[in-house]
């Protein structure tokens, strides 16, 4: 991903990220596994998972 004008939030980067996620979701036999190193992000992902159960 390239940083442009002080931000990573560009149309090109969004398209790249969508493609990466699409490949991960369609190629995995057992789904997509995510490990969040950032504590706040990990807690948010866990809470989102618990809301779906």
PDB file of N, CA and C in Angstrom:
ATOM      1  N   UNK A   1       0.851  -1.166   0.000  1.00  0.00           N
ATOM      2  CA  UNK A   1       0.000   0.000   0.000  1.00  0.00           C
ATOM      3  C   UNK A   1       0.897   1.229   0.000  1.00  0.00           C
ATOM      4  N   UNK A   2       0.480   2.217  -0.727  1.00  0.00           N
ATOM      5  CA  UNK A   2       1.273   3.434  -0.830  1.00  0.00           C
ATOM      6  C   UNK A   2       0.596   4.578  -0.108  1.00  0.00           C
ATOM      7  N   UNK A   3       1.418   5.390   0.518  1.00  0.00           N
ATOM      8  CA  UNK A   3       0.924   6.573   1.220  1.00  0.00           C
ATOM      9  C   UNK A   3       0.964   7.745   0.254  1.00  0.00           C
ATOM     10  N   UNK A   4      -0.170   8.427   0.109  1.00  0.00           N
ATOM     11  CA  UNK A   4      -0.250   9.582  -0.782  1.00  0.00           C
ATOM     12  C   UNK A   4      -0.847  10.749  -0.022  1.00  0.00           C
ATOM     13  N   UNK A   5      -0.229  11.891  -0.139  1.00  0.00           N
ATOM     14  CA  UNK A   5      -0.711  13.111   0.526  1.00  0.00           C
ATOM     15  C   UNK A   5      -0.889  12.901   2.026  1.00  0.00           C
ATOM     16  N   UNK A   6       0.019  12.137   2.639  1.00  0.00           N
ATOM     17  CA  UNK A   6      -0.025  11.934   4.084  1.00  0.00           C
ATOM     18  C   UNK A   6      -1.045  10.933   4.574  1.00  0.00           C
ATOM     19  N   UNK A   7      -1.653  10.179   3.679  1.00  0.00           N
ATOM     20  CA  UNK A   7      -2.672   9.211   4.109  1.00  0.00           C
ATOM     21  C   UNK A   7      -2.598   7.949   3.253  1.00  0.00           C
ATOM     22  N   UNK A   8      -3.054   6.858   3.824  1.00  0.00           N
ATOM     23  CA  UNK A   8      -3.167   5.593   3.095  1.00  0.00           C
ATOM     24  C   UNK A   8      -4.566   5.423   2.530  1.00  0.00           C
ATOM     25  N   UNK A   9      -5.470   6.327   2.851  1.00  0.00           N
ATOM     26  CA  UNK A   9      -6.871   6.226   2.475  1.00  0.00           C
ATOM     27  C   UNK A   9      -7.073   6.726   1.040  1.00  0.00           C
ATOM     28  N   UNK A  10      -6.681   5.906   0.070  1.00  0.00           N
ATOM     29  CA  UNK A  10      -6.841   6.273  -1.334  1.00  0.00           C
ATOM     30  C   UNK A  10      -7.704   5.228  -2.034  1.00  0.00           C
ATOM     31  N   UNK A  11      -8.221   5.573  -3.161  1.00  0.00           N
ATOM     32  CA  UNK A  11      -9.059   4.656  -3.942  1.00  0.00           C
ATOM     33  C   UNK A  11      -8.254   3.421  -4.343  1.00  0.00           C
ATOM     34  N   UNK A  12      -6.994   3.631  -4.739  1.00  0.00           N
ATOM     35  CA  UNK A  12      -6.140   2.524  -5.159  1.00  0.00           C
ATOM     36  C   UNK A  12      -5.889   1.553  -3.997  1.00  0.00           C
ATOM     37  N   UNK A  13      -5.617   2.088  -2.821  1.00  0.00           N
ATOM     38  CA  UNK A  13      -5.372   1.241  -1.656  1.00  0.00           C
ATOM     39  C   UNK A  13      -6.634   0.506  -1.221  1.00  0.00           C
ATOM     40  N   UNK A  14      -7.788   1.153  -1.317  1.00  0.00           N
ATOM     41  CA  UNK A  14      -9.048   0.488  -0.962  1.00  0.00           C
ATOM     42  C   UNK A  14      -9.326  -0.671  -1.910  1.00  0.00           C
ATOM     43  N   UNK A  15      -9.068  -0.475  -3.192  1.00  0.00           N
ATOM     44  CA  UNK A  15      -9.271  -1.546  -4.168  1.00  0.00           C
ATOM     45  C   UNK A  15      -8.310  -2.703  -3.899  1.00  0.00           C
ATOM     46  N   UNK A  16      -7.064  -2.385  -3.556  1.00  0.00           N
ATOM     47  CA  UNK A  16      -6.076  -3.411  -3.236  1.00  0.00           C
ATOM     48  C   UNK A  16      -6.513  -4.215  -2.017  1.00  0.00           C
ATOM     49  N   UNK A  17      -6.967  -3.533  -0.978  1.00  0.00           N
ATOM     50  CA  UNK A  17      -7.394  -4.201   0.248  1.00  0.00           C
ATOM     51  C   UNK A  17      -8.609  -5.090  -0.004  1.00  0.00           C
ATOM     52  N   UNK A  18      -9.559  -4.622  -0.800  1.00  0.00           N
ATOM     53  CA  UNK A  18     -10.727  -5.439  -1.130  1.00  0.00           C
ATOM     54  C   UNK A  18     -10.305  -6.705  -1.863  1.00  0.00           C
ATOM     55  N   UNK A  19      -9.326  -6.585  -2.748  1.00  0.00           N
ATOM     56  CA  UNK A  19      -8.836  -7.744  -3.485  1.00  0.00           C
ATOM     57  C   UNK A  19      -8.157  -8.734  -2.545  1.00  0.00           C
ATOM     58  N   UNK A  20      -7.343  -8.243  -1.624  1.00  0.00           N
ATOM     59  CA  UNK A  20      -6.659  -9.117  -0.667  1.00  0.00           C
ATOM     60  C   UNK A  20      -7.677  -9.879   0.175  1.00  0.00           C
ATOM     61  N   UNK A  21      -8.679  -9.191   0.685  1.00  0.00           N
ATOM     62  CA  UNK A  21      -9.698  -9.845   1.509  1.00  0.00           C
ATOM     63  C   UNK A  21     -10.477 -10.867   0.691  1.00  0.00           C
ATOM     64  N   UNK A  22     -10.795 -10.533  -0.539  1.00  0.00           N
ATOM     65  CA  UNK A  22     -11.507 -11.464  -1.411  1.00  0.00           C
ATOM     66  C   UNK A  22     -10.701 -12.739  -1.619  1.00  0.00           C
ATOM     67  N   UNK A  23      -9.408 -12.604  -1.865  1.00  0.00           N
ATOM     68  CA  UNK A  23      -8.565 -13.778  -2.066  1.00  0.00           C
ATOM     69  C   UNK A  23      -8.515 -14.619  -0.799  1.00  0.00           C
ATOM     70  N   UNK A  24      -8.345 -13.977   0.352  1.00  0.00           N
ATOM     71  CA  UNK A  24      -8.273 -14.713   1.615  1.00  0.00           C
ATOM     72  C   UNK A  24      -9.576 -15.464   1.907  1.00  0.00           C
ATOM     73  N   UNK A  25     -10.699 -14.833   1.639  1.00  0.00           N
ATOM     74  CA  UNK A  25     -11.986 -15.461   1.936  1.00  0.00           C
ATOM     75  C   UNK A  25     -12.340 -16.570   0.960  1.00  0.00           C
ATOM     76  N   UNK A  26     -11.895 -16.469  -0.280  1.00  0.00           N
ATOM     77  CA  UNK A  26     -12.275 -17.468  -1.271  1.00  0.00           C
ATOM     78  C   UNK A  26     -11.264 -18.606  -1.388  1.00  0.00           C
ATOM     79  N   UNK A  27     -10.071 -18.442  -0.881  1.00  0.00           N
ATOM     80  CA  UNK A  27      -9.053 -19.493  -0.998  1.00  0.00           C
ATOM     81  C   UNK A  27      -8.955 -20.366   0.246  1.00  0.00           C
ATOM     82  N   UNK A  28      -9.433 -19.885   1.349  1.00  0.00           N
ATOM     83  CA  UNK A  28      -9.294 -20.641   2.591  1.00  0.00           C
ATOM     84  C   UNK A  28     -10.253 -21.806   2.662  1.00  0.00           C
ATOM     85  N   UNK A  29      -9.756 -22.972   3.051  1.00  0.00           N
ATOM     86  CA  UNK A  29     -10.591 -24.160   3.178  1.00  0.00           C
ATOM     87  C   UNK A  29     -11.417 -24.086   4.461  1.00  0.00           C
ATOM     88  N   UNK A  30     -10.815 -23.574   5.517  1.00  0.00           N
ATOM     89  CA  UNK A  30     -11.470 -23.522   6.819  1.00  0.00           C
ATOM     90  C   UNK A  30     -11.856 -22.111   7.223  1.00  0.00           C
ATOM     91  N   UNK A  31     -11.943 -21.194   6.283  1.00  0.00           N
ATOM     92  CA  UNK A  31     -12.309 -19.827   6.602  1.00  0.00           C
ATOM     93  C   UNK A  31     -11.087 -18.937   6.772  1.00  0.00           C
ATOM     94  N   UNK A  32     -11.322 -17.798   7.342  1.00  0.00           N
ATOM     95  CA  UNK A  32     -10.283 -16.795   7.524  1.00  0.00           C
ATOM     96  C   UNK A  32      -9.988 -16.660   9.005  1.00  0.00           C
ATOM     97  N   UNK A  33      -8.734 -16.782   9.366  1.00  0.00           N
ATOM     98  CA  UNK A  33      -8.299 -16.615  10.746  1.00  0.00           C
ATOM     99  C   UNK A  33      -7.564 -15.295  10.869  1.00  0.00           C
ATOM    100  N   UNK A  34      -7.923 -14.510  11.856  1.00  0.00           N
ATOM    101  CA  UNK A  34      -7.306 -13.205  12.068  1.00  0.00           C
ATOM    102  C   UNK A  34      -6.705 -13.178  13.466  1.00  0.00           C
ATOM    103  N   UNK A  35      -5.460 -12.725  13.548  1.00  0.00           N
ATOM    104  CA  UNK A  35      -4.836 -12.495  14.848  1.00  0.00           C
ATOM    105  C   UNK A  35      -4.485 -11.025  14.933  1.00  0.00           C
ATOM    106  N   UNK A  36      -5.079 -10.323  15.866  1.00  0.00           N
ATOM    107  CA  UNK A  36      -4.843  -8.893  16.028  1.00  0.00           C
ATOM    108  C   UNK A  36      -3.769  -8.675  17.087  1.00  0.00           C
ATOM    109  N   UNK A  37      -2.692  -8.019  16.719  1.00  0.00           N
ATOM    110  CA  UNK A  37      -1.613  -7.711  17.652  1.00  0.00           C
ATOM    111  C   UNK A  37      -2.023  -6.556  18.563  1.00  0.00           C
ATOM    112  N   UNK A  38      -2.748  -5.609  18.008  1.00  0.00           N
ATOM    113  CA  UNK A  38      -3.206  -4.452  18.771  1.00  0.00           C
ATOM    114  C   UNK A  38      -4.299  -4.886  19.754  1.00  0.00           C
ATOM    115  N   UNK A  39      -4.110  -4.575  21.028  1.00  0.00           N
ATOM    116  CA  UNK A  39      -5.028  -5.020  22.073  1.00  0.00           C
ATOM    117  C   UNK A  39      -6.438  -4.471  21.875  1.00  0.00           C
ATOM    118  N   UNK A  40      -6.557  -3.190  21.545  1.00  0.00           N
ATOM    119  CA  UNK A  40      -7.884  -2.598  21.351  1.00  0.00           C
ATOM    120  C   UNK A  40      -8.612  -3.243  20.176  1.00  0.00           C
ATOM    121  N   UNK A  41      -7.885  -3.479  19.092  1.00  0.00           N
ATOM    122  CA  UNK A  41      -8.493  -4.120  17.923  1.00  0.00           C
ATOM    123  C   UNK A  41      -8.910  -5.545  18.258  1.00  0.00           C
ATOM    124  N   UNK A  42      -8.076  -6.279  18.992  1.00  0.00           N
ATOM    125  CA  UNK A  42      -8.410  -7.650  19.380  1.00  0.00           C
ATOM    126  C   UNK A  42      -9.684  -7.685  20.209  1.00  0.00           C
ATOM    127  N   UNK A  43      -9.801  -6.766  21.164  1.00  0.00           N
ATOM    128  CA  UNK A  43     -10.995  -6.720  22.006  1.00  0.00           C
ATOM    129  C   UNK A  43     -12.237  -6.393  21.183  1.00  0.00           C
ATOM    130  N   UNK A  44     -12.107  -5.492  20.218  1.00  0.00           N
ATOM    131  CA  UNK A  44     -13.237  -5.136  19.363  1.00  0.00           C
ATOM    132  C   UNK A  44     -13.671  -6.332  18.512  1.00  0.00           C
ATOM    133  N   UNK A  45     -12.705  -7.061  17.952  1.00  0.00           N
ATOM    134  CA  UNK A  45     -13.030  -8.235  17.139  1.00  0.00           C
ATOM    135  C   UNK A  45     -13.712  -9.312  17.973  1.00  0.00           C
ATOM    136  N   UNK A  46     -13.236  -9.513  19.197  1.00  0.00           N
ATOM    137  CA  UNK A  46     -13.859 -10.507  20.087  1.00  0.00           C
ATOM    138  C   UNK A  46     -15.285 -10.092  20.418  1.00  0.00           C
ATOM    139  N   UNK A  47     -15.489  -8.805  20.698  1.00  0.00           N
ATOM    140  CA  UNK A  47     -16.848  -8.350  21.027  1.00  0.00           C
ATOM    141  C   UNK A  47     -17.776  -8.483  19.822  1.00  0.00           C
ATOM    142  N   UNK A  48     -17.276  -8.233  18.623  1.00  0.00           N
ATOM    143  CA  UNK A  48     -18.103  -8.406  17.424  1.00  0.00           C
ATOM    144  C   UNK A  48     -18.466  -9.878  17.224  1.00  0.00           C
ATOM    145  N   UNK A  49     -17.518 -10.768  17.518  1.00  0.00           N
ATOM    146  CA  UNK A  49     -17.791 -12.182  17.385  1.00  0.00           C
ATOM    147  C   UNK A  49     -18.848 -12.632  18.389  1.00  0.00           C
ATOM    148  N   UNK A  50     -18.747 -12.155  19.608  1.00  0.00           N
ATOM    149  CA  UNK A  50     -19.705 -12.541  20.644  1.00  0.00           C
ATOM    150  C   UNK A  50     -21.107 -12.016  20.341  1.00  0.00           C
ATOM    151  N   UNK A  51     -21.187 -10.860  19.683  1.00  0.00           N
ATOM    152  CA  UNK A  51     -22.490 -10.308  19.311  1.00  0.00           C
ATOM    153  C   UNK A  51     -23.188 -11.180  18.274  1.00  0.00           C
ATOM    154  N   UNK A  52     -22.423 -11.885  17.466  1.00  0.00           N
ATOM    155  CA  UNK A  52     -22.986 -12.724  16.402  1.00  0.00           C
ATOM    156  C   UNK A  52     -23.450 -14.071  16.916  1.00  0.00           C
ATOM    157  N   UNK A  53     -23.000 -14.476  18.109  1.00  0.00           N
ATOM    158  CA  UNK A  53     -23.369 -15.797  18.649  1.00  0.00           C
ATOM    159  C   UNK A  53     -24.713 -15.800  19.294  1.00  0.00           C
TER     160      UNK A  53
END
